[in-house]
PDB file of N, CA and C in Angstrom:
ATOM      1  N   UNK A   1     209.342 101.370  56.525  1.00  0.00           N
ATOM      2  CA  UNK A   1     209.529 102.812  56.496  1.00  0.00           C
ATOM      3  C   UNK A   1     209.494 103.332  57.931  1.00  0.00           C
ATOM      4  N   UNK A   2     210.487 104.104  58.273  1.00  0.00           N
ATOM      5  CA  UNK A   2     210.513 104.743  59.591  1.00  0.00           C
ATOM      6  C   UNK A   2     210.812 106.220  59.429  1.00  0.00           C
ATOM      7  N   UNK A   3     210.074 107.018  60.182  1.00  0.00           N
ATOM      8  CA  UNK A   3     210.276 108.459  60.199  1.00  0.00           C
ATOM      9  C   UNK A   3     210.554 108.871  61.631  1.00  0.00           C
ATOM     10  N   UNK A   4     211.661 109.553  61.849  1.00  0.00           N
ATOM     11  CA  UNK A   4     212.075 109.955  63.188  1.00  0.00           C
ATOM     12  C   UNK A   4     212.076 111.463  63.281  1.00  0.00           C
ATOM     13  N   UNK A   5     211.100 112.006  63.990  1.00  0.00           N
ATOM     14  CA  UNK A   5     211.023 113.452  64.167  1.00  0.00           C
ATOM     15  C   UNK A   5     211.772 113.865  65.425  1.00  0.00           C
ATOM     16  N   UNK A   6     212.427 115.009  65.356  1.00  0.00           N
ATOM     17  CA  UNK A   6     213.162 115.533  66.505  1.00  0.00           C
ATOM     18  C   UNK A   6     213.239 117.048  66.398  1.00  0.00           C
ATOM     19  N   UNK A   7     213.753 117.666  67.470  1.00  0.00           N
ATOM     20  CA  UNK A   7     213.971 119.100  67.445  1.00  0.00           C
ATOM     21  C   UNK A   7     212.975 119.922  68.237  1.00  0.00           C
ATOM     22  N   UNK A   8     211.976 119.285  68.801  1.00  0.00           N
ATOM     23  CA  UNK A   8     211.016 120.023  69.596  1.00  0.00           C
ATOM     24  C   UNK A   8     211.610 120.483  70.913  1.00  0.00           C
ATOM     25  N   UNK A   9     210.861 121.319  71.611  1.00  0.00           N
ATOM     26  CA  UNK A   9     211.335 121.820  72.898  1.00  0.00           C
ATOM     27  C   UNK A   9     210.499 122.987  73.362  1.00  0.00           C
ATOM     28  N   UNK A  10     210.996 123.645  74.386  1.00  0.00           N
ATOM     29  CA  UNK A  10     210.324 124.823  74.953  1.00  0.00           C
ATOM     30  C   UNK A  10     210.977 126.080  74.394  1.00  0.00           C
ATOM     31  N   UNK A  11     210.165 126.977  73.890  1.00  0.00           N
ATOM     32  CA  UNK A  11     210.680 128.217  73.320  1.00  0.00           C
ATOM     33  C   UNK A  11     209.748 129.362  73.706  1.00  0.00           C
ATOM     34  N   UNK A  12     210.293 130.539  73.838  1.00  0.00           N
ATOM     35  CA  UNK A  12     209.483 131.700  74.178  1.00  0.00           C
ATOM     36  C   UNK A  12     208.745 132.221  72.938  1.00  0.00           C
ATOM     37  N   UNK A  13     207.629 132.885  73.152  1.00  0.00           N
ATOM     38  CA  UNK A  13     206.944 133.498  71.996  1.00  0.00           C
ATOM     39  C   UNK A  13     207.889 134.401  71.217  1.00  0.00           C
ATOM     40  N   UNK A  14     207.799 134.306  69.907  1.00  0.00           N
ATOM     41  CA  UNK A  14     208.689 135.055  69.037  1.00  0.00           C
ATOM     42  C   UNK A  14     209.967 134.319  68.680  1.00  0.00           C
ATOM     43  N   UNK A  15     210.215 133.212  69.345  1.00  0.00           N
ATOM     44  CA  UNK A  15     211.427 132.446  69.099  1.00  0.00           C
ATOM     45  C   UNK A  15     211.309 131.513  67.903  1.00  0.00           C
ATOM     46  N   UNK A  16     212.363 130.728  67.701  1.00  0.00           N
ATOM     47  CA  UNK A  16     212.449 129.834  66.546  1.00  0.00           C
ATOM     48  C   UNK A  16     212.868 128.443  66.980  1.00  0.00           C
ATOM     49  N   UNK A  17     212.451 127.467  66.193  1.00  0.00           N
ATOM     50  CA  UNK A  17     212.896 126.089  66.329  1.00  0.00           C
ATOM     51  C   UNK A  17     212.984 125.482  64.936  1.00  0.00           C
ATOM     52  N   UNK A  18     213.843 124.498  64.797  1.00  0.00           N
ATOM     53  CA  UNK A  18     213.894 123.732  63.556  1.00  0.00           C
ATOM     54  C   UNK A  18     213.650 122.268  63.875  1.00  0.00           C
ATOM     55  N   UNK A  19     212.603 121.729  63.318  1.00  0.00           N
ATOM     56  CA  UNK A  19     212.293 120.319  63.471  1.00  0.00           C
ATOM     57  C   UNK A  19     212.935 119.540  62.336  1.00  0.00           C
ATOM     58  N   UNK A  20     213.335 118.311  62.651  1.00  0.00           N
ATOM     59  CA  UNK A  20     213.917 117.417  61.658  1.00  0.00           C
ATOM     60  C   UNK A  20     213.085 116.146  61.563  1.00  0.00           C
ATOM     61  N   UNK A  21     213.050 115.579  60.381  1.00  0.00           N
ATOM     62  CA  UNK A  21     212.377 114.303  60.154  1.00  0.00           C
ATOM     63  C   UNK A  21     213.320 113.449  59.315  1.00  0.00           C
ATOM     64  N   UNK A  22     213.981 112.505  59.977  1.00  0.00           N
ATOM     65  CA  UNK A  22     214.920 111.625  59.301  1.00  0.00           C
ATOM     66  C   UNK A  22     214.187 110.355  58.874  1.00  0.00           C
ATOM     67  N   UNK A  23     214.406 109.939  57.625  1.00  0.00           N
ATOM     68  CA  UNK A  23     213.678 108.803  57.078  1.00  0.00           C
ATOM     69  C   UNK A  23     214.593 107.629  56.798  1.00  0.00           C
ATOM     70  N   UNK A  24     214.047 106.431  56.950  1.00  0.00           N
ATOM     71  CA  UNK A  24     214.699 105.211  56.499  1.00  0.00           C
ATOM     72  C   UNK A  24     213.634 104.368  55.804  1.00  0.00           C
ATOM     73  N   UNK A  25     214.066 103.631  54.796  1.00  0.00           N
ATOM     74  CA  UNK A  25     213.131 102.798  54.052  1.00  0.00           C
ATOM     75  C   UNK A  25     212.499 103.493  52.863  1.00  0.00           C
ATOM     76  N   UNK A  26     212.724 104.785  52.729  1.00  0.00           N
ATOM     77  CA  UNK A  26     212.249 105.542  51.574  1.00  0.00           C
ATOM     78  C   UNK A  26     213.319 106.562  51.198  1.00  0.00           C
ATOM     79  N   UNK A  27     213.352 106.908  49.935  1.00  0.00           N
ATOM     80  CA  UNK A  27     214.207 107.999  49.466  1.00  0.00           C
ATOM     81  C   UNK A  27     213.315 109.226  49.394  1.00  0.00           C
ATOM     82  N   UNK A  28     213.496 110.123  50.349  1.00  0.00           N
ATOM     83  CA  UNK A  28     212.546 111.218  50.517  1.00  0.00           C
ATOM     84  C   UNK A  28     212.404 112.090  49.279  1.00  0.00           C
ATOM     85  N   UNK A  29     213.443 112.200  48.484  1.00  0.00           N
ATOM     86  CA  UNK A  29     213.356 113.076  47.319  1.00  0.00           C
ATOM     87  C   UNK A  29     212.265 112.613  46.345  1.00  0.00           C
ATOM     88  N   UNK A  30     211.899 111.341  46.399  1.00  0.00           N
ATOM     89  CA  UNK A  30     210.897 110.811  45.490  1.00  0.00           C
ATOM     90  C   UNK A  30     209.486 110.872  46.074  1.00  0.00           C
ATOM     91  N   UNK A  31     209.381 111.362  47.309  1.00  0.00           N
ATOM     92  CA  UNK A  31     208.093 111.386  48.007  1.00  0.00           C
ATOM     93  C   UNK A  31     207.685 112.811  48.355  1.00  0.00           C
ATOM     94  N   UNK A  32     206.392 113.068  48.307  1.00  0.00           N
ATOM     95  CA  UNK A  32     205.885 114.228  48.999  1.00  0.00           C
ATOM     96  C   UNK A  32     205.974 113.953  50.492  1.00  0.00           C
ATOM     97  N   UNK A  33     206.127 114.996  51.270  1.00  0.00           N
ATOM     98  CA  UNK A  33     206.211 114.825  52.716  1.00  0.00           C
ATOM     99  C   UNK A  33     205.528 116.000  53.379  1.00  0.00           C
ATOM    100  N   UNK A  34     204.944 115.755  54.528  1.00  0.00           N
ATOM    101  CA  UNK A  34     204.178 116.794  55.199  1.00  0.00           C
ATOM    102  C   UNK A  34     204.463 116.807  56.692  1.00  0.00           C
ATOM    103  N   UNK A  35     204.250 117.960  57.281  1.00  0.00           N
ATOM    104  CA  UNK A  35     204.264 118.117  58.734  1.00  0.00           C
ATOM    105  C   UNK A  35     202.833 118.389  59.197  1.00  0.00           C
ATOM    106  N   UNK A  36     202.470 117.688  60.261  1.00  0.00           N
ATOM    107  CA  UNK A  36     201.178 117.875  60.898  1.00  0.00           C
ATOM    108  C   UNK A  36     201.411 118.237  62.361  1.00  0.00           C
ATOM    109  N   UNK A  37     200.374 118.725  62.985  1.00  0.00           N
ATOM    110  CA  UNK A  37     200.467 118.971  64.422  1.00  0.00           C
ATOM    111  C   UNK A  37     199.131 118.677  65.074  1.00  0.00           C
ATOM    112  N   UNK A  38     199.226 118.307  66.355  1.00  0.00           N
ATOM    113  CA  UNK A  38     198.022 118.101  67.152  1.00  0.00           C
ATOM    114  C   UNK A  38     198.201 118.858  68.455  1.00  0.00           C
ATOM    115  N   UNK A  39     197.413 119.908  68.603  1.00  0.00           N
ATOM    116  CA  UNK A  39     197.439 120.703  69.828  1.00  0.00           C
ATOM    117  C   UNK A  39     196.536 120.057  70.882  1.00  0.00           C
ATOM    118  N   UNK A  40     196.772 120.317  72.151  1.00  0.00           N
ATOM    119  CA  UNK A  40     195.938 119.748  73.211  1.00  0.00           C
ATOM    120  C   UNK A  40     194.456 120.055  72.997  1.00  0.00           C
ATOM    121  N   UNK A  41     193.640 119.015  72.966  1.00  0.00           N
ATOM    122  CA  UNK A  41     192.205 119.195  72.825  1.00  0.00           C
ATOM    123  C   UNK A  41     191.731 119.525  71.425  1.00  0.00           C
ATOM    124  N   UNK A  42     192.632 119.490  70.451  1.00  0.00           N
ATOM    125  CA  UNK A  42     192.253 119.848  69.079  1.00  0.00           C
ATOM    126  C   UNK A  42     192.537 118.692  68.133  1.00  0.00           C
ATOM    127  N   UNK A  43     191.955 118.770  66.951  1.00  0.00           N
ATOM    128  CA  UNK A  43     192.188 117.765  65.943  1.00  0.00           C
ATOM    129  C   UNK A  43     193.539 117.978  65.269  1.00  0.00           C
ATOM    130  N   UNK A  44     194.024 116.921  64.665  1.00  0.00           N
ATOM    131  CA  UNK A  44     195.267 117.007  63.910  1.00  0.00           C
ATOM    132  C   UNK A  44     195.119 118.007  62.752  1.00  0.00           C
ATOM    133  N   UNK A  45     196.150 118.772  62.520  1.00  0.00           N
ATOM    134  CA  UNK A  45     196.142 119.808  61.478  1.00  0.00           C
ATOM    135  C   UNK A  45     197.377 119.656  60.608  1.00  0.00           C
ATOM    136  N   UNK A  46     197.180 119.612  59.307  1.00  0.00           N
ATOM    137  CA  UNK A  46     198.314 119.643  58.387  1.00  0.00           C
ATOM    138  C   UNK A  46     198.790 121.069  58.245  1.00  0.00           C
ATOM    139  N   UNK A  47     200.084 121.320  58.419  1.00  0.00           N
ATOM    140  CA  UNK A  47     200.574 122.697  58.387  1.00  0.00           C
ATOM    141  C   UNK A  47     201.447 123.005  57.190  1.00  0.00           C
ATOM    142  N   UNK A  48     202.191 122.011  56.710  1.00  0.00           N
ATOM    143  CA  UNK A  48     203.121 122.308  55.635  1.00  0.00           C
ATOM    144  C   UNK A  48     203.445 121.022  54.891  1.00  0.00           C
ATOM    145  N   UNK A  49     203.633 121.128  53.581  1.00  0.00           N
ATOM    146  CA  UNK A  49     204.040 119.951  52.808  1.00  0.00           C
ATOM    147  C   UNK A  49     204.963 120.377  51.677  1.00  0.00           C
ATOM    148  N   UNK A  50     205.704 119.383  51.197  1.00  0.00           N
ATOM    149  CA  UNK A  50     206.698 119.590  50.156  1.00  0.00           C
ATOM    150  C   UNK A  50     206.510 118.492  49.123  1.00  0.00           C
ATOM    151  N   UNK A  51     206.339 118.882  47.870  1.00  0.00           N
ATOM    152  CA  UNK A  51     206.172 117.901  46.808  1.00  0.00           C
ATOM    153  C   UNK A  51     207.484 117.176  46.526  1.00  0.00           C
ATOM    154  N   UNK A  52     207.374 116.011  45.917  1.00  0.00           N
ATOM    155  CA  UNK A  52     208.574 115.274  45.537  1.00  0.00           C
ATOM    156  C   UNK A  52     209.440 116.123  44.616  1.00  0.00           C
ATOM    157  N   UNK A  53     210.729 115.901  44.696  1.00  0.00           N
ATOM    158  CA  UNK A  53     211.711 116.644  43.894  1.00  0.00           C
ATOM    159  C   UNK A  53     211.591 118.155  44.075  1.00  0.00           C
ATOM    160  N   UNK A  54     211.109 118.572  45.234  1.00  0.00           N
ATOM    161  CA  UNK A  54     210.982 120.002  45.574  1.00  0.00           C
ATOM    162  C   UNK A  54     210.182 120.769  44.529  1.00  0.00           C
ATOM    163  N   UNK A  55     209.145 120.151  43.999  1.00  0.00           N
ATOM    164  CA  UNK A  55     208.352 120.767  42.938  1.00  0.00           C
ATOM    165  C   UNK A  55     207.414 121.854  43.442  1.00  0.00           C
ATOM    166  N   UNK A  56     207.224 121.937  44.745  1.00  0.00           N
ATOM    167  CA  UNK A  56     206.358 122.969  45.285  1.00  0.00           C
ATOM    168  C   UNK A  56     206.063 122.714  46.737  1.00  0.00           C
ATOM    169  N   UNK A  57     205.519 123.709  47.407  1.00  0.00           N
ATOM    170  CA  UNK A  57     205.182 123.595  48.826  1.00  0.00           C
ATOM    171  C   UNK A  57     203.800 124.172  49.084  1.00  0.00           C
ATOM    172  N   UNK A  58     203.248 123.760  50.207  1.00  0.00           N
ATOM    173  CA  UNK A  58     202.027 124.371  50.724  1.00  0.00           C
ATOM    174  C   UNK A  58     202.283 124.699  52.188  1.00  0.00           C
ATOM    175  N   UNK A  59     201.943 125.894  52.587  1.00  0.00           N
ATOM    176  CA  UNK A  59     201.922 126.266  54.000  1.00  0.00           C
ATOM    177  C   UNK A  59     200.530 126.832  54.280  1.00  0.00           C
ATOM    178  N   UNK A  60     199.867 126.266  55.258  1.00  0.00           N
ATOM    179  CA  UNK A  60     198.505 126.714  55.541  1.00  0.00           C
ATOM    180  C   UNK A  60     198.543 128.126  56.128  1.00  0.00           C
ATOM    181  N   UNK A  61     197.401 128.788  56.104  1.00  0.00           N
ATOM    182  CA  UNK A  61     197.348 130.200  56.464  1.00  0.00           C
ATOM    183  C   UNK A  61     197.899 130.488  57.860  1.00  0.00           C
ATOM    184  N   UNK A  62     197.666 129.578  58.794  1.00  0.00           N
ATOM    185  CA  UNK A  62     198.067 129.826  60.178  1.00  0.00           C
ATOM    186  C   UNK A  62     199.584 129.872  60.357  1.00  0.00           C
ATOM    187  N   UNK A  63     200.350 129.348  59.407  1.00  0.00           N
ATOM    188  CA  UNK A  63     201.807 129.338  59.538  1.00  0.00           C
ATOM    189  C   UNK A  63     202.491 130.036  58.374  1.00  0.00           C
ATOM    190  N   UNK A  64     201.721 130.515  57.419  1.00  0.00           N
ATOM    191  CA  UNK A  64     202.293 131.124  56.224  1.00  0.00           C
ATOM    192  C   UNK A  64     203.152 132.330  56.607  1.00  0.00           C
ATOM    193  N   UNK A  65     204.342 132.385  56.022  1.00  0.00           N
ATOM    194  CA  UNK A  65     205.263 133.475  56.320  1.00  0.00           C
ATOM    195  C   UNK A  65     206.118 133.241  57.548  1.00  0.00           C
ATOM    196  N   UNK A  66     205.807 132.190  58.315  1.00  0.00           N
ATOM    197  CA  UNK A  66     206.577 131.899  59.527  1.00  0.00           C
ATOM    198  C   UNK A  66     207.272 130.543  59.464  1.00  0.00           C
ATOM    199  N   UNK A  67     206.656 129.547  58.821  1.00  0.00           N
ATOM    200  CA  UNK A  67     207.224 128.201  58.740  1.00  0.00           C
ATOM    201  C   UNK A  67     207.731 127.947  57.329  1.00  0.00           C
ATOM    202  N   UNK A  68     208.846 127.225  57.258  1.00  0.00           N
ATOM    203  CA  UNK A  68     209.420 126.850  55.964  1.00  0.00           C
ATOM    204  C   UNK A  68     209.803 125.381  55.994  1.00  0.00           C
ATOM    205  N   UNK A  69     209.324 124.634  55.025  1.00  0.00           N
ATOM    206  CA  UNK A  69     209.690 123.217  54.899  1.00  0.00           C
ATOM    207  C   UNK A  69     210.777 123.079  53.846  1.00  0.00           C
ATOM    208  N   UNK A  70     211.755 122.205  54.133  1.00  0.00           N
ATOM    209  CA  UNK A  70     212.846 122.005  53.189  1.00  0.00           C
ATOM    210  C   UNK A  70     213.358 120.582  53.306  1.00  0.00           C
ATOM    211  N   UNK A  71     214.183 120.185  52.351  1.00  0.00           N
ATOM    212  CA  UNK A  71     214.647 118.806  52.287  1.00  0.00           C
ATOM    213  C   UNK A  71     216.155 118.797  52.056  1.00  0.00           C
ATOM    214  N   UNK A  72     216.864 117.900  52.737  1.00  0.00           N
ATOM    215  CA  UNK A  72     218.283 117.644  52.490  1.00  0.00           C
ATOM    216  C   UNK A  72     218.393 116.223  51.960  1.00  0.00           C
ATOM    217  N   UNK A  73     218.568 116.096  50.659  1.00  0.00           N
ATOM    218  CA  UNK A  73     218.579 114.760  50.058  1.00  0.00           C
ATOM    219  C   UNK A  73     219.774 113.926  50.531  1.00  0.00           C
ATOM    220  N   UNK A  74     220.912 114.559  50.758  1.00  0.00           N
ATOM    221  CA  UNK A  74     222.096 113.827  51.193  1.00  0.00           C
ATOM    222  C   UNK A  74     221.866 113.171  52.556  1.00  0.00           C
ATOM    223  N   UNK A  75     221.083 113.809  53.391  1.00  0.00           N
ATOM    224  CA  UNK A  75     220.799 113.279  54.727  1.00  0.00           C
ATOM    225  C   UNK A  75     219.454 112.557  54.783  1.00  0.00           C
ATOM    226  N   UNK A  76     218.731 112.544  53.666  1.00  0.00           N
ATOM    227  CA  UNK A  76     217.399 111.931  53.624  1.00  0.00           C
ATOM    228  C   UNK A  76     216.531 112.446  54.773  1.00  0.00           C
ATOM    229  N   UNK A  77     216.545 113.736  54.933  1.00  0.00           N
ATOM    230  CA  UNK A  77     215.898 114.393  56.065  1.00  0.00           C
ATOM    231  C   UNK A  77     215.117 115.608  55.567  1.00  0.00           C
ATOM    232  N   UNK A  78     213.976 115.826  56.179  1.00  0.00           N
ATOM    233  CA  UNK A  78     213.172 117.016  55.900  1.00  0.00           C
ATOM    234  C   UNK A  78     213.110 117.864  57.156  1.00  0.00           C
ATOM    235  N   UNK A  79     213.086 119.161  56.975  1.00  0.00           N
ATOM    236  CA  UNK A  79     213.101 120.095  58.090  1.00  0.00           C
ATOM    237  C   UNK A  79     211.850 120.968  58.076  1.00  0.00           C
ATOM    238  N   UNK A  80     211.504 121.453  59.236  1.00  0.00           N
ATOM    239  CA  UNK A  80     210.480 122.486  59.350  1.00  0.00           C
ATOM    240  C   UNK A  80     211.069 123.600  60.194  1.00  0.00           C
ATOM    241  N   UNK A  81     211.445 124.674  59.540  1.00  0.00           N
ATOM    242  CA  UNK A  81     211.956 125.851  60.241  1.00  0.00           C
ATOM    243  C   UNK A  81     210.770 126.682  60.691  1.00  0.00           C
ATOM    244  N   UNK A  82     210.685 126.911  61.992  1.00  0.00           N
ATOM    245  CA  UNK A  82     209.549 127.626  62.564  1.00  0.00           C
ATOM    246  C   UNK A  82     210.056 128.902  63.214  1.00  0.00           C
ATOM    247  N   UNK A  83     209.634 130.019  62.690  1.00  0.00           N
ATOM    248  CA  UNK A  83     210.021 131.326  63.212  1.00  0.00           C
ATOM    249  C   UNK A  83     208.813 132.059  63.776  1.00  0.00           C
ATOM    250  N   UNK A  84     209.073 133.096  64.540  1.00  0.00           N
ATOM    251  CA  UNK A  84     207.997 133.926  65.112  1.00  0.00           C
ATOM    252  C   UNK A  84     206.927 133.061  65.768  1.00  0.00           C
ATOM    253  N   UNK A  85     207.379 132.134  66.587  1.00  0.00           N
ATOM    254  CA  UNK A  85     206.453 131.181  67.189  1.00  0.00           C
ATOM    255  C   UNK A  85     205.485 131.863  68.140  1.00  0.00           C
ATOM    256  N   UNK A  86     204.273 131.311  68.163  1.00  0.00           N
ATOM    257  CA  UNK A  86     203.193 131.835  68.991  1.00  0.00           C
ATOM    258  C   UNK A  86     202.733 130.755  69.970  1.00  0.00           C
ATOM    259  N   UNK A  87     202.128 131.128  71.075  1.00  0.00           N
ATOM    260  CA  UNK A  87     201.616 130.101  71.997  1.00  0.00           C
ATOM    261  C   UNK A  87     200.665 129.120  71.310  1.00  0.00           C
ATOM    262  N   UNK A  88     199.927 129.577  70.327  1.00  0.00           N
ATOM    263  CA  UNK A  88     198.983 128.681  69.629  1.00  0.00           C
ATOM    264  C   UNK A  88     199.681 127.673  68.716  1.00  0.00           C
ATOM    265  N   UNK A  89     200.996 127.802  68.560  1.00  0.00           N
ATOM    266  CA  UNK A  89     201.761 126.792  67.821  1.00  0.00           C
ATOM    267  C   UNK A  89     202.120 125.604  68.701  1.00  0.00           C
ATOM    268  N   UNK A  90     201.836 125.683  69.986  1.00  0.00           N
ATOM    269  CA  UNK A  90     202.127 124.580  70.899  1.00  0.00           C
ATOM    270  C   UNK A  90     201.364 123.337  70.474  1.00  0.00           C
ATOM    271  N   UNK A  91     202.097 122.243  70.244  1.00  0.00           N
ATOM    272  CA  UNK A  91     201.492 121.012  69.747  1.00  0.00           C
ATOM    273  C   UNK A  91     202.566 119.938  69.648  1.00  0.00           C
ATOM    274  N   UNK A  92     202.116 118.718  69.425  1.00  0.00           N
ATOM    275  CA  UNK A  92     203.015 117.647  68.999  1.00  0.00           C
ATOM    276  C   UNK A  92     203.047 117.681  67.476  1.00  0.00           C
ATOM    277  N   UNK A  93     204.241 117.718  66.933  1.00  0.00           N
ATOM    278  CA  UNK A  93     204.429 117.810  65.486  1.00  0.00           C
ATOM    279  C   UNK A  93     204.861 116.457  64.943  1.00  0.00           C
ATOM    280  N   UNK A  94     204.227 116.051  63.824  1.00  0.00           N
ATOM    281  CA  UNK A  94     204.494 114.774  63.177  1.00  0.00           C
ATOM    282  C   UNK A  94     204.887 115.005  61.724  1.00  0.00           C
ATOM    283  N   UNK A  95     205.782 114.160  61.228  1.00  0.00           N
ATOM    284  CA  UNK A  95     206.016 114.144  59.795  1.00  0.00           C
ATOM    285  C   UNK A  95     205.375 112.891  59.212  1.00  0.00           C
ATOM    286  N   UNK A  96     205.051 112.949  57.929  1.00  0.00           N
ATOM    287  CA  UNK A  96     204.373 111.825  57.297  1.00  0.00           C
ATOM    288  C   UNK A  96     204.658 111.808  55.802  1.00  0.00           C
ATOM    289  N   UNK A  97     204.656 110.604  55.242  1.00  0.00           N
ATOM    290  CA  UNK A  97     204.812 110.419  53.802  1.00  0.00           C
ATOM    291  C   UNK A  97     203.682 109.521  53.297  1.00  0.00           C
ATOM    292  N   UNK A  98     203.345 109.604  52.022  1.00  0.00           N
ATOM    293  CA  UNK A  98     202.316 108.735  51.465  1.00  0.00           C
ATOM    294  C   UNK A  98     202.824 107.320  51.272  1.00  0.00           C
ATOM    295  N   UNK A  99     201.942 106.443  50.886  1.00  0.00           N
ATOM    296  CA  UNK A  99     202.307 105.044  50.708  1.00  0.00           C
ATOM    297  C   UNK A  99     203.318 104.857  49.578  1.00  0.00           C
ATOM    298  N   UNK A 100     203.153 105.632  48.510  1.00  0.00           N
ATOM    299  CA  UNK A 100     204.007 105.468  47.345  1.00  0.00           C
ATOM    300  C   UNK A 100     204.712 106.775  47.004  1.00  0.00           C
ATOM    301  N   UNK A 101     205.848 106.664  46.352  1.00  0.00           N
ATOM    302  CA  UNK A 101     206.530 107.850  45.864  1.00  0.00           C
ATOM    303  C   UNK A 101     205.836 108.402  44.634  1.00  0.00           C
ATOM    304  N   UNK A 102     206.269 109.576  44.219  1.00  0.00           N
ATOM    305  CA  UNK A 102     205.667 110.219  43.062  1.00  0.00           C
ATOM    306  C   UNK A 102     205.086 111.562  43.417  1.00  0.00           C
ATOM    307  N   UNK A 103     204.739 112.312  42.420  1.00  0.00           N
ATOM    308  CA  UNK A 103     204.265 113.688  42.625  1.00  0.00           C
ATOM    309  C   UNK A 103     202.742 113.737  42.531  1.00  0.00           C
ATOM    310  N   UNK A 104     202.072 113.278  43.592  1.00  0.00           N
ATOM    311  CA  UNK A 104     200.610 113.283  43.573  1.00  0.00           C
ATOM    312  C   UNK A 104     199.990 113.811  44.862  1.00  0.00           C
ATOM    313  N   UNK A 105     200.806 114.171  45.826  1.00  0.00           N
ATOM    314  CA  UNK A 105     200.288 114.785  47.045  1.00  0.00           C
ATOM    315  C   UNK A 105     200.804 116.214  47.130  1.00  0.00           C
ATOM    316  N   UNK A 106     200.314 116.930  48.112  1.00  0.00           N
ATOM    317  CA  UNK A 106     200.740 118.313  48.327  1.00  0.00           C
ATOM    318  C   UNK A 106     200.313 119.185  47.156  1.00  0.00           C
ATOM    319  N   UNK A 107     199.056 119.067  46.792  1.00  0.00           N
ATOM    320  CA  UNK A 107     198.475 119.894  45.752  1.00  0.00           C
ATOM    321  C   UNK A 107     197.329 120.688  46.369  1.00  0.00           C
ATOM    322  N   UNK A 108     196.912 121.731  45.750  1.00  0.00           N
ATOM    323  CA  UNK A 108     195.783 122.496  46.275  1.00  0.00           C
ATOM    324  C   UNK A 108     196.206 123.449  47.363  1.00  0.00           C
ATOM    325  N   UNK A 109     195.309 123.675  48.323  1.00  0.00           N
ATOM    326  CA  UNK A 109     195.551 124.690  49.344  1.00  0.00           C
ATOM    327  C   UNK A 109     195.696 124.116  50.741  1.00  0.00           C
ATOM    328  N   UNK A 110     195.390 122.824  50.915  1.00  0.00           N
ATOM    329  CA  UNK A 110     195.405 122.243  52.243  1.00  0.00           C
ATOM    330  C   UNK A 110     196.336 121.038  52.293  1.00  0.00           C
ATOM    331  N   UNK A 111     196.511 120.504  53.502  1.00  0.00           N
ATOM    332  CA  UNK A 111     197.383 119.351  53.722  1.00  0.00           C
ATOM    333  C   UNK A 111     196.535 118.273  54.399  1.00  0.00           C
ATOM    334  N   UNK A 112     195.788 117.496  53.647  1.00  0.00           N
ATOM    335  CA  UNK A 112     194.897 116.502  54.247  1.00  0.00           C
ATOM    336  C   UNK A 112     195.628 115.262  54.718  1.00  0.00           C
ATOM    337  N   UNK A 113     195.307 114.813  55.903  1.00  0.00           N
ATOM    338  CA  UNK A 113     195.979 113.656  56.468  1.00  0.00           C
ATOM    339  C   UNK A 113     195.717 112.371  55.710  1.00  0.00           C
ATOM    340  N   UNK A 114     194.576 112.299  55.007  1.00  0.00           N
ATOM    341  CA  UNK A 114     194.212 111.065  54.301  1.00  0.00           C
ATOM    342  C   UNK A 114     195.199 110.716  53.198  1.00  0.00           C
ATOM    343  N   UNK A 115     195.974 111.702  52.736  1.00  0.00           N
ATOM    344  CA  UNK A 115     196.923 111.438  51.652  1.00  0.00           C
ATOM    345  C   UNK A 115     198.180 110.725  52.142  1.00  0.00           C
ATOM    346  N   UNK A 116     198.351 110.623  53.469  1.00  0.00           N
ATOM    347  CA  UNK A 116     199.621 110.151  54.018  1.00  0.00           C
ATOM    348  C   UNK A 116     199.433 108.834  54.745  1.00  0.00           C
ATOM    349  N   UNK A 117     200.466 107.996  54.672  1.00  0.00           N
ATOM    350  CA  UNK A 117     200.339 106.619  55.173  1.00  0.00           C
ATOM    351  C   UNK A 117     201.321 106.302  56.294  1.00  0.00           C
ATOM    352  N   UNK A 118     202.549 106.761  56.166  1.00  0.00           N
ATOM    353  CA  UNK A 118     203.573 106.469  57.175  1.00  0.00           C
ATOM    354  C   UNK A 118     203.779 107.720  58.025  1.00  0.00           C
ATOM    355  N   UNK A 119     203.789 107.513  59.343  1.00  0.00           N
ATOM    356  CA  UNK A 119     203.848 108.633  60.280  1.00  0.00           C
ATOM    357  C   UNK A 119     204.994 108.465  61.257  1.00  0.00           C
ATOM    358  N   UNK A 120     205.660 109.570  61.582  1.00  0.00           N
ATOM    359  CA  UNK A 120     206.655 109.557  62.629  1.00  0.00           C
ATOM    360  C   UNK A 120     206.000 109.602  63.997  1.00  0.00           C
ATOM    361  N   UNK A 121     206.809 109.549  65.046  1.00  0.00           N
ATOM    362  CA  UNK A 121     206.275 109.425  66.394  1.00  0.00           C
ATOM    363  C   UNK A 121     205.929 110.758  67.031  1.00  0.00           C
ATOM    364  N   UNK A 122     206.351 111.857  66.448  1.00  0.00           N
ATOM    365  CA  UNK A 122     205.995 113.157  66.975  1.00  0.00           C
ATOM    366  C   UNK A 122     207.048 113.750  67.883  1.00  0.00           C
ATOM    367  N   UNK A 123     207.121 115.069  67.868  1.00  0.00           N
ATOM    368  CA  UNK A 123     208.016 115.805  68.754  1.00  0.00           C
ATOM    369  C   UNK A 123     207.245 117.007  69.308  1.00  0.00           C
ATOM    370  N   UNK A 124     207.373 117.240  70.611  1.00  0.00           N
ATOM    371  CA  UNK A 124     206.559 118.251  71.287  1.00  0.00           C
ATOM    372  C   UNK A 124     207.207 119.627  71.190  1.00  0.00           C
ATOM    373  N   UNK A 125     206.423 120.584  70.746  1.00  0.00           N
ATOM    374  CA  UNK A 125     206.828 121.985  70.714  1.00  0.00           C
ATOM    375  C   UNK A 125     205.940 122.746  71.691  1.00  0.00           C
ATOM    376  N   UNK A 126     206.567 123.441  72.637  1.00  0.00           N
ATOM    377  CA  UNK A 126     205.834 124.241  73.611  1.00  0.00           C
ATOM    378  C   UNK A 126     206.312 125.681  73.497  1.00  0.00           C
ATOM    379  N   UNK A 127     205.374 126.574  73.221  1.00  0.00           N
ATOM    380  CA  UNK A 127     205.693 127.996  73.099  1.00  0.00           C
ATOM    381  C   UNK A 127     205.070 128.710  74.294  1.00  0.00           C
ATOM    382  N   UNK A 128     205.925 129.161  75.184  1.00  0.00           N
ATOM    383  CA  UNK A 128     205.435 129.750  76.421  1.00  0.00           C
ATOM    384  C   UNK A 128     206.513 130.628  77.032  1.00  0.00           C
ATOM    385  N   UNK A 129     206.060 131.679  77.710  1.00  0.00           N
ATOM    386  CA  UNK A 129     207.001 132.532  78.415  1.00  0.00           C
ATOM    387  C   UNK A 129     207.129 132.100  79.866  1.00  0.00           C
TER     388      UNK A 129
END
């Protein structure tokens, strides 16, 4: 399983970016998938997840109303559309999937890292004027 995250870059506060996570070795539609981030000096934080077969999403409070996770099954790719970016969104962003497919992750109110097994290499997002 390989996950390739891309789309990061430098953006001004209030701007937008779309991150992509292209997968090989798994059919993403059958897996829950999540985006995490690690800001400088901080612990990893789960920000958004999407249940298998688009059965539901979770966006944590810090990104609710600004970030949207979506999936393109034809491209086997998941996206994170990030709008109204803030300096505190600056971080390396990772995508991750669990060990097995099925609808058993991305439940509740949070995005715990322990539920996920395969991780992409990360893409850096810097929000600064």
